[in-house]
Amino acid sequence: MEILVTKLFEFCVSILQIIGGSPGEYGFGYYLANIVIFILIQPSLIIIFFILWLKEKRNNKEFTS
């Protein structure tokens, strides 16, 4: 199991390095890719899905009443 997790981690790091524009290096692009993904995109998606869930919950409540 440890080998699988390590391989998956290395694969994800490689993808981040490719997105960042410096394959095989931890350069500015790698850090920028991390910021974009984990500081901007992920929280935005969480907020969007939460708002959609609230709207759907409200619509469902009005429909059943």
Protein backbone atom coordinates (compact mmCIF):
# COMPACT_ATOMS: atom_id res chain seq x y z
CA MET A 1 0.00 0.00 0.00
CA GLU A 2 2.87 2.36 0.81
CA ILE A 3 4.34 1.87 -2.66
CA LEU A 4 1.00 2.70 -4.28
CA VAL A 5 0.64 5.90 -2.26
CA THR A 6 4.22 6.93 -3.05
CA LYS A 7 3.73 6.29 -6.78
CA LEU A 8 0.45 8.23 -6.77
CA PHE A 9 2.10 11.14 -4.96
CA GLU A 10 5.02 11.21 -7.42
CA PHE A 11 2.57 11.11 -10.34
CA CYS A 12 0.61 14.07 -8.93
CA VAL A 13 3.82 16.05 -8.35
CA SER A 14 4.86 15.34 -11.95
CA ILE A 15 1.54 16.65 -13.22
CA LEU A 16 1.93 19.82 -11.12
CA GLN A 17 5.44 20.27 -12.50
CA ILE A 18 4.16 19.90 -16.05
CA ILE A 19 1.34 22.39 -15.42
CA GLY A 20 3.86 24.75 -13.85
CA GLY A 21 6.03 24.64 -16.96
CA SER A 22 9.17 23.16 -15.40
CA PRO A 23 9.00 19.35 -15.62
CA GLY A 24 11.39 17.77 -13.15
CA GLU A 25 11.93 21.00 -11.20
CA TYR A 26 10.30 22.80 -8.31
CA GLY A 27 10.39 26.23 -9.90
CA PHE A 28 8.14 29.25 -9.81
CA GLY A 29 5.64 27.56 -12.15
CA TYR A 30 5.20 24.62 -9.77
CA TYR A 31 4.42 26.94 -6.90
CA LEU A 32 2.09 28.98 -9.08
CA ALA A 33 0.25 25.81 -10.15
CA ASN A 34 -0.20 24.87 -6.47
CA ILE A 35 -1.55 28.32 -5.65
CA VAL A 36 -3.99 28.30 -8.55
CA ILE A 37 -5.28 24.81 -7.80
CA PHE A 38 -5.39 24.77 -4.00
CA ILE A 39 -5.94 28.44 -3.13
CA LEU A 40 -8.20 29.57 -5.97
CA ILE A 41 -9.92 26.69 -7.78
CA GLN A 42 -10.63 24.25 -4.93
CA PRO A 43 -12.17 26.80 -2.50
CA SER A 44 -14.15 28.35 -5.36
CA LEU A 45 -15.62 24.96 -6.27
CA ILE A 46 -16.50 24.27 -2.64
CA ILE A 47 -18.32 27.62 -2.36
CA ILE A 48 -20.12 27.11 -5.69
CA PHE A 49 -21.31 23.63 -4.77
CA PHE A 50 -22.41 24.83 -1.32
CA ILE A 51 -24.47 27.64 -2.86
CA LEU A 52 -26.00 25.23 -5.38
CA TRP A 53 -26.84 22.81 -2.56
CA LEU A 54 -28.53 25.59 -0.56
CA LYS A 55 -30.56 26.68 -3.60
CA GLU A 56 -31.63 23.11 -4.31
CA LYS A 57 -32.53 22.57 -0.65
CA ARG A 58 -34.64 25.74 -0.67
CA ASN A 59 -36.36 24.75 -3.94
CA ASN A 60 -37.09 21.29 -2.60
CA LYS A 61 -38.55 22.74 0.60
CA GLU A 62 -40.88 25.04 -1.35
CA PHE A 63 -41.92 22.17 -3.60
CA THR A 64 -42.89 19.89 -0.71
CA SER A 65 -44.77 22.57 1.26
